[in-house]
Structure formats: C-alpha cells, structure tokens
Amino acid sequence: MGGSGSTPQSEKPAPPPPSPEFAKPWRETPWDNKGLLEKNLRELKLSDSNVKYIRILLAGQVGAGKSSFINSVNSVFQRRITTEAIADNAGAGGTSFTKTVSI
C-alpha cells in the first residue's frame, strides 16, 4: 500500500508559520491610558445626529465568551459588576443559551 514518499496516517504535516502581517497590531491602542479610552468612548459623537443607538453584532462559537465580553464592557461603563447578558455554561458541556439565530 503506501509507496515511497508517503506519510503514515499518524504523522501530520506541520502547520504553516503565521503570516508576518499578524506580527504588527492593526491599530495602536493606548492601553496605558484607560481613562482616555473611556473618555473617548463616552464622548463619541456620530456623524448623523438622527442615529440614536449603535447596534453591534458579536458573533462566535457557543461558549466562546460573547456574553461575558458584553458583561465586562458594561461593567466598566456602569462602574459596577453587571450581568445583563446571560452567560451560560455551554463551554463546559452545558447547553447553549441561544436557541435560534435570526438574521
């Protein structure tokens, strides 16, 4: 069966090296000045004054931490621990909180 030069099933080829494009951040973020980041977000002005709310789609696998991320961001802005987005235990073998996805 396997002629010369074939690779046994148990040996997988090494993954390719990461692209050098990912070595540099796509945007410089002043993490050392969190107060400035928060101030800029709180004072954000939209170019269209008719827009009252910004809606953001956060997509990811079940158990990836989407609800936890939302709660973390909300907690920063509320200056207290919040749990408005229900985080489930799906990543640890539980069931997903999301039952259907409407697009």
PDB file of N, CA and C in Angstrom:
ATOM      1  N   MET A   1       0.821  -1.187   0.000  1.00  0.00           N
ATOM      2  CA  MET A   1       0.000   0.000   0.000  1.00  0.00           C
ATOM      3  C   MET A   1       0.852   1.232   0.000  1.00  0.00           C
ATOM      4  N   GLY A   2       1.168   1.988   0.816  1.00  0.00           N
ATOM      5  CA  GLY A   2       1.821   3.273   0.667  1.00  0.00           C
ATOM      6  C   GLY A   2       3.149   3.163  -0.032  1.00  0.00           C
ATOM      7  N   GLY A   3       3.287   3.746  -1.187  1.00  0.00           N
ATOM      8  CA  GLY A   3       4.527   3.711  -1.941  1.00  0.00           C
ATOM      9  C   GLY A   3       5.577   4.593  -1.289  1.00  0.00           C
ATOM     10  N   SER A   4       6.681   4.728  -1.936  1.00  0.00           N
ATOM     11  CA  SER A   4       7.750   5.541  -1.362  1.00  0.00           C
ATOM     12  C   SER A   4       7.331   6.997  -1.282  1.00  0.00           C
ATOM     13  N   GLY A   5       7.745   7.658  -0.245  1.00  0.00           N
ATOM     14  CA  GLY A   5       7.431   9.066  -0.063  1.00  0.00           C
ATOM     15  C   GLY A   5       6.093   9.326   0.595  1.00  0.00           C
ATOM     16  N   SER A   6       5.333   8.311   0.945  1.00  0.00           N
ATOM     17  CA  SER A   6       4.037   8.556   1.594  1.00  0.00           C
ATOM     18  C   SER A   6       4.235   8.777   3.083  1.00  0.00           C
ATOM     19  N   THR A   7       3.321   9.539   3.672  1.00  0.00           N
ATOM     20  CA  THR A   7       3.379   9.859   5.097  1.00  0.00           C
ATOM     21  C   THR A   7       2.389   8.972   5.841  1.00  0.00           C
ATOM     22  N   PRO A   8       2.820   8.289   6.908  1.00  0.00           N
ATOM     23  CA  PRO A   8       1.877   7.476   7.680  1.00  0.00           C
ATOM     24  C   PRO A   8       0.733   8.338   8.211  1.00  0.00           C
ATOM     25  N   GLN A   9      -0.442   7.728   8.432  1.00  0.00           N
ATOM     26  CA  GLN A   9      -1.629   8.425   8.899  1.00  0.00           C
ATOM     27  C   GLN A   9      -1.393   9.170  10.214  1.00  0.00           C
ATOM     28  N   SER A  10      -0.563   8.628  11.105  1.00  0.00           N
ATOM     29  CA  SER A  10      -0.370   9.240  12.416  1.00  0.00           C
ATOM     30  C   SER A  10       0.463  10.518  12.369  1.00  0.00           C
ATOM     31  N   GLU A  11       1.247  10.690  11.322  1.00  0.00           N
ATOM     32  CA  GLU A  11       2.081  11.884  11.206  1.00  0.00           C
ATOM     33  C   GLU A  11       1.366  12.931  10.368  1.00  0.00           C
ATOM     34  N   LYS A  12       1.139  14.093  10.951  1.00  0.00           N
ATOM     35  CA  LYS A  12       0.500  15.182  10.216  1.00  0.00           C
ATOM     36  C   LYS A  12       1.548  16.228   9.884  1.00  0.00           C
ATOM     37  N   PRO A  13       1.426  16.861   8.728  1.00  0.00           N
ATOM     38  CA  PRO A  13       2.418  17.893   8.392  1.00  0.00           C
ATOM     39  C   PRO A  13       2.321  19.060   9.353  1.00  0.00           C
ATOM     40  N   ALA A  14       3.440  19.714   9.559  1.00  0.00           N
ATOM     41  CA  ALA A  14       3.476  20.875  10.464  1.00  0.00           C
ATOM     42  C   ALA A  14       2.638  22.000   9.862  1.00  0.00           C
ATOM     43  N   PRO A  15       1.914  22.752  10.711  1.00  0.00           N
ATOM     44  CA  PRO A  15       1.128  23.866  10.180  1.00  0.00           C
ATOM     45  C   PRO A  15       2.044  24.949   9.626  1.00  0.00           C
ATOM     46  N   PRO A  16       1.553  25.716   8.659  1.00  0.00           N
ATOM     47  CA  PRO A  16       2.390  26.783   8.108  1.00  0.00           C
ATOM     48  C   PRO A  16       2.653  27.854   9.155  1.00  0.00           C
ATOM     49  N   PRO A  17       3.749  28.569   9.042  1.00  0.00           N
ATOM     50  CA  PRO A  17       4.042  29.630  10.018  1.00  0.00           C
ATOM     51  C   PRO A  17       3.018  30.764   9.884  1.00  0.00           C
ATOM     52  N   PRO A  18       2.772  31.512  10.965  1.00  0.00           N
ATOM     53  CA  PRO A  18       1.817  32.620  10.881  1.00  0.00           C
ATOM     54  C   PRO A  18       2.302  33.688   9.908  1.00  0.00           C
ATOM     55  N   SER A  19       1.350  34.362   9.311  1.00  0.00           N
ATOM     56  CA  SER A  19       1.674  35.421   8.362  1.00  0.00           C
ATOM     57  C   SER A  19       2.366  36.572   9.089  1.00  0.00           C
ATOM     58  N   PRO A  20       3.413  37.166   8.498  1.00  0.00           N
ATOM     59  CA  PRO A  20       4.077  38.313   9.135  1.00  0.00           C
ATOM     60  C   PRO A  20       3.124  39.494   9.305  1.00  0.00           C
ATOM     61  N   GLU A  21       2.018  39.487   8.548  1.00  0.00           N
ATOM     62  CA  GLU A  21       1.024  40.556   8.657  1.00  0.00           C
ATOM     63  C   GLU A  21       0.441  40.634  10.071  1.00  0.00           C
ATOM     64  N   PHE A  22       0.382  39.496  10.765  1.00  0.00           N
ATOM     65  CA  PHE A  22      -0.205  39.462  12.097  1.00  0.00           C
ATOM     66  C   PHE A  22       0.789  39.823  13.197  1.00  0.00           C
ATOM     67  N   ALA A  23       2.040  40.062  12.847  1.00  0.00           N
ATOM     68  CA  ALA A  23       3.048  40.408  13.841  1.00  0.00           C
ATOM     69  C   ALA A  23       2.879  41.840  14.341  1.00  0.00           C
ATOM     70  N   LYS A  24       2.244  42.691  13.550  1.00  0.00           N
ATOM     71  CA  LYS A  24       2.075  44.096  13.907  1.00  0.00           C
ATOM     72  C   LYS A  24       0.595  44.383  14.161  1.00  0.00           C
ATOM     73  N   PRO A  25       0.254  45.072  15.261  1.00  0.00           N
ATOM     74  CA  PRO A  25      -1.152  45.393  15.526  1.00  0.00           C
ATOM     75  C   PRO A  25      -1.737  46.240  14.398  1.00  0.00           C
ATOM     76  N   TRP A  26      -3.007  46.011  14.076  1.00  0.00           N
ATOM     77  CA  TRP A  26      -3.641  46.784  13.010  1.00  0.00           C
ATOM     78  C   TRP A  26      -3.951  48.201  13.467  1.00  0.00           C
ATOM     79  N   ARG A  27      -3.980  48.404  14.792  1.00  0.00           N
ATOM     80  CA  ARG A  27      -4.225  49.737  15.335  1.00  0.00           C
ATOM     81  C   ARG A  27      -3.494  49.855  16.663  1.00  0.00           C
ATOM     82  N   GLU A  28      -2.851  50.972  16.851  1.00  0.00           N
ATOM     83  CA  GLU A  28      -2.174  51.208  18.126  1.00  0.00           C
ATOM     84  C   GLU A  28      -3.215  51.667  19.144  1.00  0.00           C
ATOM     85  N   THR A  29      -3.268  51.009  20.287  1.00  0.00           N
ATOM     86  CA  THR A  29      -4.227  51.339  21.335  1.00  0.00           C
ATOM     87  C   THR A  29      -3.469  51.737  22.595  1.00  0.00           C
ATOM     88  N   PRO A  30      -3.741  52.917  23.132  1.00  0.00           N
ATOM     89  CA  PRO A  30      -3.018  53.371  24.332  1.00  0.00           C
ATOM     90  C   PRO A  30      -3.551  52.696  25.606  1.00  0.00           C
ATOM     91  N   TRP A  31      -3.252  51.384  25.779  1.00  0.00           N
ATOM     92  CA  TRP A  31      -3.779  50.642  26.929  1.00  0.00           C
ATOM     93  C   TRP A  31      -3.293  51.232  28.248  1.00  0.00           C
ATOM     94  N   ASP A  32      -2.166  51.939  28.240  1.00  0.00           N
ATOM     95  CA  ASP A  32      -1.651  52.505  29.480  1.00  0.00           C
ATOM     96  C   ASP A  32      -2.485  53.709  29.928  1.00  0.00           C
ATOM     97  N   ASN A  33      -3.381  54.217  29.079  1.00  0.00           N
ATOM     98  CA  ASN A  33      -4.215  55.368  29.431  1.00  0.00           C
ATOM     99  C   ASN A  33      -5.686  54.990  29.285  1.00  0.00           C
ATOM    100  N   LYS A  34      -6.160  54.103  30.176  1.00  0.00           N
ATOM    101  CA  LYS A  34      -7.534  53.609  30.103  1.00  0.00           C
ATOM    102  C   LYS A  34      -8.548  54.724  30.308  1.00  0.00           C
ATOM    103  N   GLY A  35      -8.189  55.730  31.098  1.00  0.00           N
ATOM    104  CA  GLY A  35      -9.093  56.859  31.316  1.00  0.00           C
ATOM    105  C   GLY A  35      -9.398  57.586  30.016  1.00  0.00           C
ATOM    106  N   LEU A  36      -8.374  57.757  29.180  1.00  0.00           N
ATOM    107  CA  LEU A  36      -8.565  58.424  27.890  1.00  0.00           C
ATOM    108  C   LEU A  36      -9.444  57.576  26.968  1.00  0.00           C
ATOM    109  N   LEU A  37      -9.227  56.260  26.957  1.00  0.00           N
ATOM    110  CA  LEU A  37     -10.070  55.382  26.145  1.00  0.00           C
ATOM    111  C   LEU A  37     -11.530  55.490  26.558  1.00  0.00           C
ATOM    112  N   GLU A  38     -11.790  55.413  27.862  1.00  0.00           N
ATOM    113  CA  GLU A  38     -13.163  55.507  28.355  1.00  0.00           C
ATOM    114  C   GLU A  38     -13.769  56.864  28.014  1.00  0.00           C
ATOM    115  N   LYS A  39     -13.002  57.930  28.193  1.00  0.00           N
ATOM    116  CA  LYS A  39     -13.489  59.277  27.887  1.00  0.00           C
ATOM    117  C   LYS A  39     -13.871  59.385  26.408  1.00  0.00           C
ATOM    118  N   ASN A  40     -13.018  58.879  25.528  1.00  0.00           N
ATOM    119  CA  ASN A  40     -13.309  58.929  24.092  1.00  0.00           C
ATOM    120  C   ASN A  40     -14.577  58.149  23.742  1.00  0.00           C
ATOM    121  N   LEU A  41     -14.783  57.010  24.370  1.00  0.00           N
ATOM    122  CA  LEU A  41     -15.987  56.226  24.106  1.00  0.00           C
ATOM    123  C   LEU A  41     -17.240  56.906  24.653  1.00  0.00           C
ATOM    124  N   ARG A  42     -17.138  57.466  25.852  1.00  0.00           N
ATOM    125  CA  ARG A  42     -18.307  58.137  26.449  1.00  0.00           C
ATOM    126  C   ARG A  42     -18.702  59.391  25.668  1.00  0.00           C
ATOM    127  N   GLU A  43     -17.718  60.058  25.064  1.00  0.00           N
ATOM    128  CA  GLU A  43     -17.984  61.307  24.356  1.00  0.00           C
ATOM    129  C   GLU A  43     -18.118  61.110  22.852  1.00  0.00           C
ATOM    130  N   LEU A  44     -18.257  59.863  22.407  1.00  0.00           N
ATOM    131  CA  LEU A  44     -18.375  59.568  20.990  1.00  0.00           C
ATOM    132  C   LEU A  44     -19.569  60.289  20.379  1.00  0.00           C
ATOM    133  N   LYS A  45     -19.337  61.002  19.310  1.00  0.00           N
ATOM    134  CA  LYS A  45     -20.392  61.704  18.585  1.00  0.00           C
ATOM    135  C   LYS A  45     -20.500  61.097  17.195  1.00  0.00           C
ATOM    136  N   LEU A  46     -21.711  60.713  16.807  1.00  0.00           N
ATOM    137  CA  LEU A  46     -21.933  60.145  15.485  1.00  0.00           C
ATOM    138  C   LEU A  46     -22.068  61.255  14.456  1.00  0.00           C
ATOM    139  N   SER A  47     -21.686  60.959  13.222  1.00  0.00           N
ATOM    140  CA  SER A  47     -21.759  61.979  12.180  1.00  0.00           C
ATOM    141  C   SER A  47     -23.201  62.287  11.781  1.00  0.00           C
ATOM    142  N   ASP A  48     -24.131  61.365  12.047  1.00  0.00           N
ATOM    143  CA  ASP A  48     -25.550  61.586  11.730  1.00  0.00           C
ATOM    144  C   ASP A  48     -26.314  61.724  13.042  1.00  0.00           C
ATOM    145  N   SER A  49     -26.813  62.904  13.330  1.00  0.00           N
ATOM    146  CA  SER A  49     -27.500  63.148  14.606  1.00  0.00           C
ATOM    147  C   SER A  49     -28.841  62.422  14.698  1.00  0.00           C
ATOM    148  N   ASN A  50     -29.348  61.899  13.579  1.00  0.00           N
ATOM    149  CA  ASN A  50     -30.606  61.138  13.608  1.00  0.00           C
ATOM    150  C   ASN A  50     -30.419  59.729  14.162  1.00  0.00           C
ATOM    151  N   VAL A  51     -29.184  59.250  14.201  1.00  0.00           N
ATOM    152  CA  VAL A  51     -28.906  57.923  14.738  1.00  0.00           C
ATOM    153  C   VAL A  51     -28.835  58.032  16.256  1.00  0.00           C
ATOM    154  N   LYS A  52     -29.721  57.303  16.925  1.00  0.00           N
ATOM    155  CA  LYS A  52     -29.786  57.382  18.390  1.00  0.00           C
ATOM    156  C   LYS A  52     -29.037  56.244  19.080  1.00  0.00           C
ATOM    157  N   TYR A  53     -28.971  55.075  18.437  1.00  0.00           N
ATOM    158  CA  TYR A  53     -28.350  53.917  19.056  1.00  0.00           C
ATOM    159  C   TYR A  53     -27.421  53.241  18.062  1.00  0.00           C
ATOM    160  N   ILE A  54     -26.363  52.646  18.584  1.00  0.00           N
ATOM    161  CA  ILE A  54     -25.451  51.843  17.781  1.00  0.00           C
ATOM    162  C   ILE A  54     -25.717  50.391  18.138  1.00  0.00           C
ATOM    163  N   ARG A  55     -25.908  49.566  17.138  1.00  0.00           N
ATOM    164  CA  ARG A  55     -26.089  48.130  17.369  1.00  0.00           C
ATOM    165  C   ARG A  55     -24.867  47.410  16.828  1.00  0.00           C
ATOM    166  N   ILE A  56     -24.346  46.496  17.622  1.00  0.00           N
ATOM    167  CA  ILE A  56     -23.134  45.767  17.250  1.00  0.00           C
ATOM    168  C   ILE A  56     -23.446  44.278  17.285  1.00  0.00           C
ATOM    169  N   LEU A  57     -23.093  43.574  16.231  1.00  0.00           N
ATOM    170  CA  LEU A  57     -23.248  42.132  16.180  1.00  0.00           C
ATOM    171  C   LEU A  57     -21.962  41.501  16.696  1.00  0.00           C
ATOM    172  N   LEU A  58     -22.100  40.661  17.699  1.00  0.00           N
ATOM    173  CA  LEU A  58     -20.957  39.944  18.253  1.00  0.00           C
ATOM    174  C   LEU A  58     -21.203  38.469  17.973  1.00  0.00           C
ATOM    175  N   ALA A  59     -20.434  37.905  17.070  1.00  0.00           N
ATOM    176  CA  ALA A  59     -20.633  36.518  16.653  1.00  0.00           C
ATOM    177  C   ALA A  59     -19.478  35.657  17.123  1.00  0.00           C
ATOM    178  N   GLY A  60     -19.787  34.409  17.406  1.00  0.00           N
ATOM    179  CA  GLY A  60     -18.751  33.470  17.815  1.00  0.00           C
ATOM    180  C   GLY A  60     -19.351  32.139  18.169  1.00  0.00           C
ATOM    181  N   GLN A  61     -18.503  31.179  18.391  1.00  0.00           N
ATOM    182  CA  GLN A  61     -18.945  29.835  18.725  1.00  0.00           C
ATOM    183  C   GLN A  61     -19.637  29.815  20.085  1.00  0.00           C
ATOM    184  N   VAL A  62     -20.472  28.794  20.289  1.00  0.00           N
ATOM    185  CA  VAL A  62     -21.115  28.583  21.581  1.00  0.00           C
ATOM    186  C   VAL A  62     -20.027  28.431  22.634  1.00  0.00           C
ATOM    187  N   GLY A  63     -20.141  29.176  23.711  1.00  0.00           N
ATOM    188  CA  GLY A  63     -19.178  29.074  24.802  1.00  0.00           C
ATOM    189  C   GLY A  63     -17.909  29.876  24.595  1.00  0.00           C
ATOM    190  N   ALA A  64     -17.864  30.713  23.551  1.00  0.00           N
ATOM    191  CA  ALA A  64     -16.646  31.477  23.262  1.00  0.00           C
ATOM    192  C   ALA A  64     -16.463  32.661  24.199  1.00  0.00           C
ATOM    193  N   GLY A  65     -17.521  33.090  24.902  1.00  0.00           N
ATOM    194  CA  GLY A  65     -17.392  34.195  25.843  1.00  0.00           C
ATOM    195  C   GLY A  65     -18.029  35.487  25.382  1.00  0.00           C
ATOM    196  N   LYS A  66     -18.962  35.412  24.446  1.00  0.00           N
ATOM    197  CA  LYS A  66     -19.615  36.628  23.939  1.00  0.00           C
ATOM    198  C   LYS A  66     -20.364  37.355  25.043  1.00  0.00           C
ATOM    199  N   SER A  67     -21.176  36.650  25.794  1.00  0.00           N
ATOM    200  CA  SER A  67     -21.940  37.279  26.881  1.00  0.00           C
ATOM    201  C   SER A  67     -21.013  37.804  27.968  1.00  0.00           C
ATOM    202  N   SER A  68     -19.960  37.085  28.258  1.00  0.00           N
ATOM    203  CA  SER A  68     -19.002  37.537  29.266  1.00  0.00           C
ATOM    204  C   SER A  68     -18.311  38.818  28.817  1.00  0.00           C
ATOM    205  N   PHE A  69     -18.004  38.906  27.525  1.00  0.00           N
ATOM    206  CA  PHE A  69     -17.390  40.124  26.993  1.00  0.00           C
ATOM    207  C   PHE A  69     -18.348  41.304  27.133  1.00  0.00           C
ATOM    208  N   ILE A  70     -19.612  41.100  26.766  1.00  0.00           N
ATOM    209  CA  ILE A  70     -20.619  42.158  26.879  1.00  0.00           C
ATOM    210  C   ILE A  70     -20.745  42.598  28.333  1.00  0.00           C
ATOM    211  N   ASN A  71     -20.810  41.657  29.250  1.00  0.00           N
ATOM    212  CA  ASN A  71     -20.922  41.995  30.671  1.00  0.00           C
ATOM    213  C   ASN A  71     -19.689  42.752  31.161  1.00  0.00           C
ATOM    214  N   SER A  72     -18.507  42.384  30.680  1.00  0.00           N
ATOM    215  CA  SER A  72     -17.280  43.075  31.094  1.00  0.00           C
ATOM    216  C   SER A  72     -17.288  44.524  30.632  1.00  0.00           C
ATOM    217  N   VAL A  73     -17.638  44.740  29.364  1.00  0.00           N
ATOM    218  CA  VAL A  73     -17.684  46.111  28.844  1.00  0.00           C
ATOM    219  C   VAL A  73     -18.736  46.922  29.585  1.00  0.00           C
ATOM    220  N   ASN A  74     -19.920  46.331  29.786  1.00  0.00           N
ATOM    221  CA  ASN A  74     -20.989  47.029  30.500  1.00  0.00           C
ATOM    222  C   ASN A  74     -20.580  47.346  31.937  1.00  0.00           C
ATOM    223  N   SER A  75     -19.892  46.434  32.591  1.00  0.00           N
ATOM    224  CA  SER A  75     -19.453  46.653  33.969  1.00  0.00           C
ATOM    225  C   SER A  75     -18.498  47.837  34.068  1.00  0.00           C
ATOM    226  N   VAL A  76     -17.622  47.990  33.060  1.00  0.00           N
ATOM    227  CA  VAL A  76     -16.690  49.119  33.057  1.00  0.00           C
ATOM    228  C   VAL A  76     -17.463  50.427  33.009  1.00  0.00           C
ATOM    229  N   PHE A  77     -18.457  50.504  32.123  1.00  0.00           N
ATOM    230  CA  PHE A  77     -19.204  51.749  31.960  1.00  0.00           C
ATOM    231  C   PHE A  77     -20.185  52.013  33.101  1.00  0.00           C
ATOM    232  N   GLN A  78     -20.672  50.976  33.751  1.00  0.00           N
ATOM    233  CA  GLN A  78     -21.569  51.147  34.896  1.00  0.00           C
ATOM    234  C   GLN A  78     -20.793  51.353  36.200  1.00  0.00           C
ATOM    235  N   ARG A  79     -19.496  51.077  36.157  1.00  0.00           N
ATOM    236  CA  ARG A  79     -18.615  51.149  37.334  1.00  0.00           C
ATOM    237  C   ARG A  79     -19.089  50.232  38.466  1.00  0.00           C
ATOM    238  N   ARG A  80     -19.661  49.099  38.054  1.00  0.00           N
ATOM    239  CA  ARG A  80     -20.074  48.053  38.995  1.00  0.00           C
ATOM    240  C   ARG A  80     -20.221  46.764  38.197  1.00  0.00           C
ATOM    241  N   ILE A  81     -20.245  45.629  38.875  1.00  0.00           N
ATOM    242  CA  ILE A  81     -20.392  44.340  38.193  1.00  0.00           C
ATOM    243  C   ILE A  81     -21.823  44.210  37.681  1.00  0.00           C
ATOM    244  N   THR A  82     -21.975  43.916  36.396  1.00  0.00           N
ATOM    245  CA  THR A  82     -23.299  43.726  35.807  1.00  0.00           C
ATOM    246  C   THR A  82     -23.365  42.367  35.119  1.00  0.00           C
ATOM    247  N   THR A  83     -24.567  41.863  34.963  1.00  0.00           N
ATOM    248  CA  THR A  83     -24.776  40.596  34.257  1.00  0.00           C
ATOM    249  C   THR A  83     -26.027  40.699  33.395  1.00  0.00           C
ATOM    250  N   GLU A  84     -26.095  41.744  32.582  1.00  0.00           N
ATOM    251  CA  GLU A  84     -27.266  41.919  31.730  1.00  0.00           C
ATOM    252  C   GLU A  84     -27.331  40.875  30.627  1.00  0.00           C
ATOM    253  N   ALA A  85     -26.186  40.515  30.054  1.00  0.00           N
ATOM    254  CA  ALA A  85     -26.152  39.456  29.049  1.00  0.00           C
ATOM    255  C   ALA A  85     -25.974  38.146  29.807  1.00  0.00           C
ATOM    256  N   ILE A  86     -26.894  37.236  29.619  1.00  0.00           N
ATOM    257  CA  ILE A  86     -26.845  35.983  30.371  1.00  0.00           C
ATOM    258  C   ILE A  86     -25.758  35.094  29.796  1.00  0.00           C
ATOM    259  N   ALA A  87     -24.764  34.808  30.617  1.00  0.00           N
ATOM    260  CA  ALA A  87     -23.683  33.905  30.223  1.00  0.00           C
ATOM    261  C   ALA A  87     -24.063  32.511  30.702  1.00  0.00           C
ATOM    262  N   ASP A  88     -23.962  31.544  29.802  1.00  0.00           N
ATOM    263  CA  ASP A  88     -24.336  30.172  30.132  1.00  0.00           C
ATOM    264  C   ASP A  88     -23.084  29.330  30.301  1.00  0.00           C
ATOM    265  N   ASN A  89     -23.267  28.123  30.719  1.00  0.00           N
ATOM    266  CA  ASN A  89     -22.170  27.205  30.948  1.00  0.00           C
ATOM    267  C   ASN A  89     -21.974  26.282  29.753  1.00  0.00           C
ATOM    268  N   ALA A  90     -22.282  26.764  28.546  1.00  0.00           N
ATOM    269  CA  ALA A  90     -22.232  25.909  27.358  1.00  0.00           C
ATOM    270  C   ALA A  90     -20.832  25.399  27.063  1.00  0.00           C
ATOM    271  N   GLY A  91     -19.822  26.204  27.357  1.00  0.00           N
ATOM    272  CA  GLY A  91     -18.459  25.795  27.066  1.00  0.00           C
ATOM    273  C   GLY A  91     -17.999  24.621  27.900  1.00  0.00           C
ATOM    274  N   ALA A  92     -18.648  24.381  29.026  1.00  0.00           N
ATOM    275  CA  ALA A  92     -18.252  23.283  29.900  1.00  0.00           C
ATOM    276  C   ALA A  92     -19.201  22.096  29.754  1.00  0.00           C
ATOM    277  N   GLY A  93     -19.795  21.951  28.577  1.00  0.00           N
ATOM    278  CA  GLY A  93     -20.670  20.807  28.338  1.00  0.00           C
ATOM    279  C   GLY A  93     -22.129  21.091  28.587  1.00  0.00           C
ATOM    280  N   GLY A  94     -22.485  22.345  28.922  1.00  0.00           N
ATOM    281  CA  GLY A  94     -23.887  22.696  29.124  1.00  0.00           C
ATOM    282  C   GLY A  94     -24.581  22.889  27.790  1.00  0.00           C
ATOM    283  N   THR A  95     -25.712  23.517  27.819  1.00  0.00           N
ATOM    284  CA  THR A  95     -26.422  23.804  26.587  1.00  0.00           C
ATOM    285  C   THR A  95     -26.326  25.285  26.277  1.00  0.00           C
ATOM    286  N   SER A  96     -26.510  25.619  25.029  1.00  0.00           N
ATOM    287  CA  SER A  96     -26.402  26.999  24.604  1.00  0.00           C
ATOM    288  C   SER A  96     -27.603  27.789  25.067  1.00  0.00           C
ATOM    289  N   PHE A  97     -27.370  29.037  25.486  1.00  0.00           N
ATOM    290  CA  PHE A  97     -28.476  29.933  25.819  1.00  0.00           C
ATOM    291  C   PHE A  97     -29.224  30.327  24.551  1.00  0.00           C
ATOM    292  N   THR A  98     -28.485  30.499  23.448  1.00  0.00           N
ATOM    293  CA  THR A  98     -29.087  30.869  22.174  1.00  0.00           C
ATOM    294  C   THR A  98     -29.731  29.621  21.564  1.00  0.00           C
ATOM    295  N   LYS A  99     -31.027  29.714  21.297  1.00  0.00           N
ATOM    296  CA  LYS A  99     -31.750  28.588  20.714  1.00  0.00           C
ATOM    297  C   LYS A  99     -31.896  28.732  19.213  1.00  0.00           C
ATOM    298  N   THR A 100     -32.100  29.967  18.738  1.00  0.00           N
ATOM    299  CA  THR A 100     -32.210  30.214  17.303  1.00  0.00           C
ATOM    300  C   THR A 100     -31.460  31.491  16.976  1.00  0.00           C
ATOM    301  N   VAL A 101     -31.062  31.600  15.743  1.00  0.00           N
ATOM    302  CA  VAL A 101     -30.383  32.799  15.283  1.00  0.00           C
ATOM    303  C   VAL A 101     -31.217  33.389  14.159  1.00  0.00           C
ATOM    304  N   SER A 102     -31.617  34.637  14.301  1.00  0.00           N
ATOM    305  CA  SER A 102     -32.382  35.316  13.272  1.00  0.00           C
ATOM    306  C   SER A 102     -31.488  36.319  12.578  1.00  0.00           C
ATOM    307  N   ILE A 103     -31.467  36.254  11.283  1.00  0.00           N
ATOM    308  CA  ILE A 103     -30.635  37.192  10.532  1.00  0.00           C
ATOM    309  C   ILE A 103     -31.521  38.005   9.610  1.00  0.00           C
TER     310      ILE A 103
END
